[in-house]
Amino acid sequence: MLGTNTVIWSLEKDSVPLHGVGDAGLLAQPLTAFFASRRCPGTAIRAGTDWALARARAGRAVVSGFHSPLEQSVLTLLLQARCPVVAVIARPLANARLGAGFDSAWQAALAEQRMAVVTSHTASQRLTETLAVERNDLAALLATRIVIAHAEPGGTLDAAQARWQAAGSAVELLTTPAG
């Protein structure tokens, strides 16, 4: 849970009001969004891990909801490598519980100004598929590039990928839909 002394900042990006903690300056950097479906084949897990290692070595900022198991693994790797990250959450920041590792890795990254946690939500709601889609759409909006390790055919990430590409976003697939 956020401490009582935590400063929550607000700004607008591409006409979207954002609220966050941590380094707001990360939003001015070129961000690469990373996504993976909840269920991924081994080839996607390997490709996503290799991609994250390369990102970490380059020190390039990554944005994501970091919700699926592979996304969480990528976040852990990036935080351990001290790579800048922007985590998008689908709930308001006030009284938010931030990740299972908040007491250590997230807190350290926020304190060292190499992480931002961002939301566009101000009212508490239970996480739904709609809110998850909105969270991923916000991460994609903040990014200059979108990378997908694996989008389950017919799933919500597959639909989002089609929507982002139709809107003109560059989307890089690390694996083919068949795995």
C-alpha atoms as a PDB file:
ATOM      1  CA  MET A   1       0.000   0.000   0.000  1.00  0.00           C
ATOM      2  CA  LEU A   2       1.219   3.534  -0.727  1.00  0.00           C
ATOM      3  CA  GLY A   3       2.497   5.390   2.291  1.00  0.00           C
ATOM      4  CA  THR A   4       0.750   8.453   3.649  1.00  0.00           C
ATOM      5  CA  ASN A   5       3.723  10.607   2.599  1.00  0.00           C
ATOM      6  CA  THR A   6       3.616   9.435  -1.016  1.00  0.00           C
ATOM      7  CA  VAL A   7       3.190  12.316  -3.445  1.00  0.00           C
ATOM      8  CA  ILE A   8       0.658  11.603  -6.182  1.00  0.00           C
ATOM      9  CA  TRP A   9       1.189  13.772  -9.248  1.00  0.00           C
ATOM     10  CA  SER A  10      -1.228  14.524 -12.078  1.00  0.00           C
ATOM     11  CA  LEU A  11      -0.598  15.451 -15.691  1.00  0.00           C
ATOM     12  CA  GLU A  12      -2.192  15.127 -19.093  1.00  0.00           C
ATOM     13  CA  LYS A  13      -0.714  13.064 -21.927  1.00  0.00           C
ATOM     14  CA  ASP A  14      -2.420  12.931 -25.332  1.00  0.00           C
ATOM     15  CA  SER A  15      -5.571  14.427 -23.760  1.00  0.00           C
ATOM     16  CA  VAL A  16      -5.699  11.665 -21.119  1.00  0.00           C
ATOM     17  CA  PRO A  17      -5.566  12.787 -17.477  1.00  0.00           C
ATOM     18  CA  LEU A  18      -3.000  10.689 -15.607  1.00  0.00           C
ATOM     19  CA  HIS A  19      -2.224  10.277 -11.928  1.00  0.00           C
ATOM     20  CA  GLY A  20       0.971   8.684 -10.753  1.00  0.00           C
ATOM     21  CA  VAL A  21       3.766   8.181  -8.293  1.00  0.00           C
ATOM     22  CA  GLY A  22       7.465   7.940  -8.954  1.00  0.00           C
ATOM     23  CA  ASP A  23       9.326   9.592 -11.805  1.00  0.00           C
ATOM     24  CA  ALA A  24       6.851  11.445 -14.038  1.00  0.00           C
ATOM     25  CA  GLY A  25       9.795  12.271 -16.309  1.00  0.00           C
ATOM     26  CA  LEU A  26       9.780   8.686 -17.563  1.00  0.00           C
ATOM     27  CA  LEU A  27       6.614   9.532 -19.516  1.00  0.00           C
ATOM     28  CA  ALA A  28       8.650  11.968 -21.625  1.00  0.00           C
ATOM     29  CA  GLN A  29      11.063   9.216 -22.708  1.00  0.00           C
ATOM     30  CA  PRO A  30      10.420   6.938 -25.669  1.00  0.00           C
ATOM     31  CA  LEU A  31       8.620   4.008 -24.061  1.00  0.00           C
ATOM     32  CA  THR A  32       8.212   0.515 -25.438  1.00  0.00           C
ATOM     33  CA  ALA A  33       5.045  -1.278 -24.363  1.00  0.00           C
ATOM     34  CA  PHE A  34       5.362  -4.987 -23.594  1.00  0.00           C
ATOM     35  CA  PHE A  35       2.428  -7.393 -23.590  1.00  0.00           C
ATOM     36  CA  ALA A  36       1.848 -11.126 -23.351  1.00  0.00           C
ATOM     37  CA  SER A  37      -1.295 -13.203 -22.978  1.00  0.00           C
ATOM     38  CA  ARG A  38      -1.894 -15.021 -19.696  1.00  0.00           C
ATOM     39  CA  ARG A  39      -1.123 -18.336 -21.383  1.00  0.00           C
ATOM     40  CA  CYS A  40       2.032 -18.408 -23.481  1.00  0.00           C
ATOM     41  CA  PRO A  41       3.891 -21.238 -25.182  1.00  0.00           C
ATOM     42  CA  GLY A  42       7.501 -21.860 -24.199  1.00  0.00           C
ATOM     43  CA  THR A  43       8.781 -20.134 -27.325  1.00  0.00           C
ATOM     44  CA  ALA A  44       7.014 -16.923 -26.308  1.00  0.00           C
ATOM     45  CA  ILE A  45       8.347 -17.143 -22.756  1.00  0.00           C
ATOM     46  CA  ARG A  46      11.875 -17.544 -24.089  1.00  0.00           C
ATOM     47  CA  ALA A  47      11.433 -14.755 -26.653  1.00  0.00           C
ATOM     48  CA  GLY A  48       9.958 -12.414 -24.031  1.00  0.00           C
ATOM     49  CA  THR A  49      12.753 -13.140 -21.564  1.00  0.00           C
ATOM     50  CA  ASP A  50      15.432 -12.636 -24.231  1.00  0.00           C
ATOM     51  CA  TRP A  51      13.753  -9.379 -25.278  1.00  0.00           C
ATOM     52  CA  ALA A  52      13.646  -8.164 -21.658  1.00  0.00           C
ATOM     53  CA  LEU A  53      17.329  -9.011 -21.152  1.00  0.00           C
ATOM     54  CA  ALA A  54      18.253  -6.999 -24.243  1.00  0.00           C
ATOM     55  CA  ARG A  55      16.053  -4.096 -23.056  1.00  0.00           C
ATOM     56  CA  ALA A  56      17.673  -4.220 -19.623  1.00  0.00           C
ATOM     57  CA  ARG A  57      21.185  -4.176 -21.106  1.00  0.00           C
ATOM     58  CA  ALA A  58      20.234  -1.151 -23.205  1.00  0.00           C
ATOM     59  CA  GLY A  59      18.568   0.580 -20.229  1.00  0.00           C
ATOM     60  CA  ARG A  60      15.510   1.456 -22.308  1.00  0.00           C
ATOM     61  CA  ALA A  61      12.244   2.285 -20.525  1.00  0.00           C
ATOM     62  CA  VAL A  62       9.379  -0.216 -20.722  1.00  0.00           C
ATOM     63  CA  VAL A  63       5.682   0.392 -20.050  1.00  0.00           C
ATOM     64  CA  SER A  64       3.086  -2.296 -19.334  1.00  0.00           C
ATOM     65  CA  GLY A  65       0.331  -3.357 -17.010  1.00  0.00           C
ATOM     66  CA  PHE A  66       2.725  -6.119 -15.926  1.00  0.00           C
ATOM     67  CA  HIS A  67      -0.263  -8.315 -15.166  1.00  0.00           C
ATOM     68  CA  SER A  68       0.143 -11.625 -17.025  1.00  0.00           C
ATOM     69  CA  PRO A  69       2.685 -14.131 -15.678  1.00  0.00           C
ATOM     70  CA  LEU A  70       5.201 -13.375 -18.455  1.00  0.00           C
ATOM     71  CA  GLU A  71       4.731  -9.619 -18.018  1.00  0.00           C
ATOM     72  CA  GLN A  72       5.369 -10.042 -14.270  1.00  0.00           C
ATOM     73  CA  SER A  73       8.541 -12.029 -14.992  1.00  0.00           C
ATOM     74  CA  VAL A  74       9.711  -9.319 -17.379  1.00  0.00           C
ATOM     75  CA  LEU A  75       9.026  -6.673 -14.718  1.00  0.00           C
ATOM     76  CA  THR A  76      11.049  -8.609 -12.143  1.00  0.00           C
ATOM     77  CA  LEU A  77      13.947  -8.902 -14.582  1.00  0.00           C
ATOM     78  CA  LEU A  78      13.811  -5.204 -15.504  1.00  0.00           C
ATOM     79  CA  LEU A  79      13.668  -4.088 -11.875  1.00  0.00           C
ATOM     80  CA  GLN A  80      16.582  -6.345 -10.927  1.00  0.00           C
ATOM     81  CA  ALA A  81      18.569  -4.859 -13.827  1.00  0.00           C
ATOM     82  CA  ARG A  82      17.637  -1.350 -12.635  1.00  0.00           C
ATOM     83  CA  CYS A  83      15.950  -0.600 -15.955  1.00  0.00           C
ATOM     84  CA  PRO A  84      13.385   2.242 -15.989  1.00  0.00           C
ATOM     85  CA  VAL A  85       9.755   1.049 -16.010  1.00  0.00           C
ATOM     86  CA  VAL A  86       6.285   2.537 -16.092  1.00  0.00           C
ATOM     87  CA  ALA A  87       3.611   0.301 -14.575  1.00  0.00           C
ATOM     88  CA  VAL A  88       0.045   1.119 -15.594  1.00  0.00           C
ATOM     89  CA  ILE A  89      -2.625   0.064 -13.122  1.00  0.00           C
ATOM     90  CA  ALA A  90      -6.385  -0.207 -13.650  1.00  0.00           C
ATOM     91  CA  ARG A  91      -7.409   1.378 -10.348  1.00  0.00           C
ATOM     92  CA  PRO A  92      -6.869   4.656  -8.487  1.00  0.00           C
ATOM     93  CA  LEU A  93      -3.565   5.188  -6.706  1.00  0.00           C
ATOM     94  CA  ALA A  94      -5.018   6.254  -3.375  1.00  0.00           C
ATOM     95  CA  ASN A  95      -4.737   3.251  -1.041  1.00  0.00           C
ATOM     96  CA  ALA A  96      -3.606   1.047  -3.956  1.00  0.00           C
ATOM     97  CA  ARG A  97      -1.741  -2.164  -3.264  1.00  0.00           C
ATOM     98  CA  LEU A  98       1.094  -2.150  -5.764  1.00  0.00           C
ATOM     99  CA  GLY A  99       2.334  -5.554  -6.795  1.00  0.00           C
ATOM    100  CA  ALA A 100       3.254  -8.469  -4.578  1.00  0.00           C
ATOM    101  CA  GLY A 101       6.813  -7.171  -4.356  1.00  0.00           C
ATOM    102  CA  PHE A 102       5.883  -3.579  -3.482  1.00  0.00           C
ATOM    103  CA  ASP A 103       7.578  -3.668  -0.110  1.00  0.00           C
ATOM    104  CA  SER A 104      10.922  -4.291  -1.777  1.00  0.00           C
ATOM    105  CA  ALA A 105      11.501  -4.058  -5.524  1.00  0.00           C
ATOM    106  CA  TRP A 106       8.738  -1.591  -6.425  1.00  0.00           C
ATOM    107  CA  GLN A 107       9.416   0.623  -3.424  1.00  0.00           C
ATOM    108  CA  ALA A 108      13.160   0.735  -4.148  1.00  0.00           C
ATOM    109  CA  ALA A 109      12.591   1.520  -7.837  1.00  0.00           C
ATOM    110  CA  LEU A 110      10.140   4.313  -6.970  1.00  0.00           C
ATOM    111  CA  ALA A 111      12.493   5.779  -4.353  1.00  0.00           C
ATOM    112  CA  GLU A 112      15.386   5.701  -6.831  1.00  0.00           C
ATOM    113  CA  GLN A 113      13.281   7.469  -9.492  1.00  0.00           C
ATOM    114  CA  ARG A 114      13.550   4.635 -12.024  1.00  0.00           C
ATOM    115  CA  MET A 115       9.885   3.707 -11.902  1.00  0.00           C
ATOM    116  CA  ALA A 116       6.531   5.385 -12.297  1.00  0.00           C
ATOM    117  CA  VAL A 117       3.147   3.872 -11.494  1.00  0.00           C
ATOM    118  CA  VAL A 118       0.382   5.472 -13.545  1.00  0.00           C
ATOM    119  CA  THR A 119      -3.386   5.308 -13.778  1.00  0.00           C
ATOM    120  CA  SER A 120      -6.184   7.188 -15.479  1.00  0.00           C
ATOM    121  CA  HIS A 121      -8.737   5.981 -12.904  1.00  0.00           C
ATOM    122  CA  THR A 122      -9.992   8.019  -9.971  1.00  0.00           C
ATOM    123  CA  ALA A 123     -12.821   5.783  -8.722  1.00  0.00           C
ATOM    124  CA  SER A 124     -12.315   2.353  -7.195  1.00  0.00           C
ATOM    125  CA  GLN A 125     -13.698  -0.538  -9.173  1.00  0.00           C
ATOM    126  CA  ARG A 126     -13.152  -4.263  -9.160  1.00  0.00           C
ATOM    127  CA  LEU A 127     -10.765  -5.303 -11.941  1.00  0.00           C
ATOM    128  CA  THR A 128     -12.796  -6.443 -14.924  1.00  0.00           C
ATOM    129  CA  GLU A 129     -11.868  -7.456 -18.435  1.00  0.00           C
ATOM    130  CA  THR A 130     -12.981  -3.997 -19.586  1.00  0.00           C
ATOM    131  CA  LEU A 131     -10.659  -2.279 -17.100  1.00  0.00           C
ATOM    132  CA  ALA A 132      -7.805  -4.598 -18.115  1.00  0.00           C
ATOM    133  CA  VAL A 133      -8.356  -3.638 -21.766  1.00  0.00           C
ATOM    134  CA  GLU A 134      -8.370   0.059 -20.799  1.00  0.00           C
ATOM    135  CA  ARG A 135      -5.132  -0.441 -18.825  1.00  0.00           C
ATOM    136  CA  ASN A 136      -3.432  -2.061 -21.831  1.00  0.00           C
ATOM    137  CA  ASP A 137      -4.782   0.619 -24.166  1.00  0.00           C
ATOM    138  CA  LEU A 138      -3.293   3.290 -21.896  1.00  0.00           C
ATOM    139  CA  ALA A 139       0.093   1.534 -21.854  1.00  0.00           C
ATOM    140  CA  ALA A 140      -0.034   1.318 -25.667  1.00  0.00           C
ATOM    141  CA  LEU A 141      -0.989   4.997 -25.904  1.00  0.00           C
ATOM    142  CA  LEU A 142       2.013   5.988 -23.772  1.00  0.00           C
ATOM    143  CA  ALA A 143       4.380   3.942 -25.949  1.00  0.00           C
ATOM    144  CA  THR A 144       6.179   4.838 -29.139  1.00  0.00           C
ATOM    145  CA  ARG A 145       6.527   1.130 -29.919  1.00  0.00           C
ATOM    146  CA  ILE A 146       4.500  -1.957 -28.951  1.00  0.00           C
ATOM    147  CA  VAL A 147       5.996  -5.424 -28.492  1.00  0.00           C
ATOM    148  CA  ILE A 148       3.844  -8.524 -27.992  1.00  0.00           C
ATOM    149  CA  ALA A 149       5.508 -11.762 -26.920  1.00  0.00           C
ATOM    150  CA  HIS A 150       2.329 -13.752 -27.560  1.00  0.00           C
ATOM    151  CA  ALA A 151      -1.312 -12.878 -28.178  1.00  0.00           C
ATOM    152  CA  GLU A 152      -3.632 -15.846 -27.699  1.00  0.00           C
ATOM    153  CA  PRO A 153      -5.646 -16.151 -30.947  1.00  0.00           C
ATOM    154  CA  GLY A 154      -9.170 -14.872 -30.334  1.00  0.00           C
ATOM    155  CA  GLY A 155      -8.216 -13.384 -26.942  1.00  0.00           C
ATOM    156  CA  THR A 156      -8.466  -9.828 -25.694  1.00  0.00           C
ATOM    157  CA  LEU A 157      -4.809  -9.071 -26.434  1.00  0.00           C
ATOM    158  CA  ASP A 158      -5.268 -10.391 -29.985  1.00  0.00           C
ATOM    159  CA  ALA A 159      -8.217  -7.999 -30.408  1.00  0.00           C
ATOM    160  CA  ALA A 160      -6.196  -5.132 -28.919  1.00  0.00           C
ATOM    161  CA  GLN A 161      -3.320  -5.846 -31.297  1.00  0.00           C
ATOM    162  CA  ALA A 162      -5.669  -5.579 -34.276  1.00  0.00           C
ATOM    163  CA  ARG A 163      -7.138  -2.345 -32.877  1.00  0.00           C
ATOM    164  CA  TRP A 164      -3.691  -0.798 -32.269  1.00  0.00           C
ATOM    165  CA  GLN A 165      -2.474  -1.737 -35.755  1.00  0.00           C
ATOM    166  CA  ALA A 166      -5.662  -0.348 -37.332  1.00  0.00           C
ATOM    167  CA  ALA A 167      -4.980   2.917 -35.477  1.00  0.00           C
ATOM    168  CA  GLY A 168      -1.506   3.042 -37.041  1.00  0.00           C
ATOM    169  CA  SER A 169       0.619   1.838 -34.125  1.00  0.00           C
ATOM    170  CA  ALA A 170       3.711  -0.187 -34.920  1.00  0.00           C
ATOM    171  CA  VAL A 171       3.349  -3.609 -33.314  1.00  0.00           C
ATOM    172  CA  GLU A 172       6.220  -6.090 -33.187  1.00  0.00           C
ATOM    173  CA  LEU A 173       5.404  -9.751 -32.579  1.00  0.00           C
ATOM    174  CA  LEU A 174       8.094 -11.817 -30.891  1.00  0.00           C
ATOM    175  CA  THR A 175       6.385 -15.094 -31.870  1.00  0.00           C
ATOM    176  CA  THR A 176       3.852 -16.085 -34.475  1.00  0.00           C
ATOM    177  CA  PRO A 177       0.263 -16.744 -33.373  1.00  0.00           C
ATOM    178  CA  ALA A 178       0.897 -20.498 -33.642  1.00  0.00           C
ATOM    179  CA  GLY A 179       3.624 -20.180 -30.997  1.00  0.00           C
END
